Amino acid sequence: MDFKWKHTDRMIIIMAIRWYVGYSLSYRQVEELLAERGIFVDHTTIHRWIVEYSPKLLKKFYKLRKRICGSWRMDETYIKVKGEWCYLYRAVDKHGQTIDIYLSKRRDTTNAKRFFQKCFRTSGIPEKVNIDKSGSNTAALKAINKDLKSEDKILIRQNKYLNNLVEQDHRFIKKKVKPMLGFFSLKSARATLAGIELHHMLRKGQFKFKSHLPIWEQFCSLAG
């Protein structure tokens, strides 16, 4: 990962990012924690680090993540951006492992399809997907199935009981986002959520090679 031209050591940058995405802290609180250790960084700089590096860390992690199983649960939750509610698409497999996320201003077939295609790029095509009774999610999966070979077609299930797994998993993300009092742009929201989801996946033990290590060591190793 490129840290060229940064005036701060890369491990300090990664440490600040992990504090913010891993705990219920504000940018100013992270600034204070760094100052206590003799590291003086403005909170706006910490914000820029989050936006720049969180998506890169998540992208790298996808290449080192444990294999996802073929049975998925997909659902949406709400995230406030610039005072308006946006939709955060999330999916986990039947073991609770996070698959991927996608933040959108709208909840419709187009964005549901984009989310599924994003999941396929990082985790392959599943055997079956459990969704709620949303018409847009159903339409998106049916449209995707039309382009797949008969042996690759996805089984679409609508079972509220099975979707409890992903609905419960939303709580961890909401717990981290609530103290932030919303985001000021879609770009910063997507970047911050990428970091939060990454830390959440590390807590679940989804790192393929280093899940036996402490979370902070796993997180820092991604910057190597």
Foldseek 3Di string as FASTA:
>chain_A
DDPPPPPDDPLLLLVLLCPQLVDQDALVRSQVVCVVVVHHDDSVVNLVSLLPPLVVLLVLQLVQFDAAAQEKEKDWDWAAEQNATWIKIWMHHLVLATQDIDIGRDDALVVLLVVQVVSCVSHNQHQEYEYAPDPSNVVSLVVVQVPDDPVRRYHYHHDPVSNVSVVVVVVQVCVNRVSVVGHHDPSSVVSSSSNNSVLVNLVVQGRNPPNVDPSSVVSSVSVD
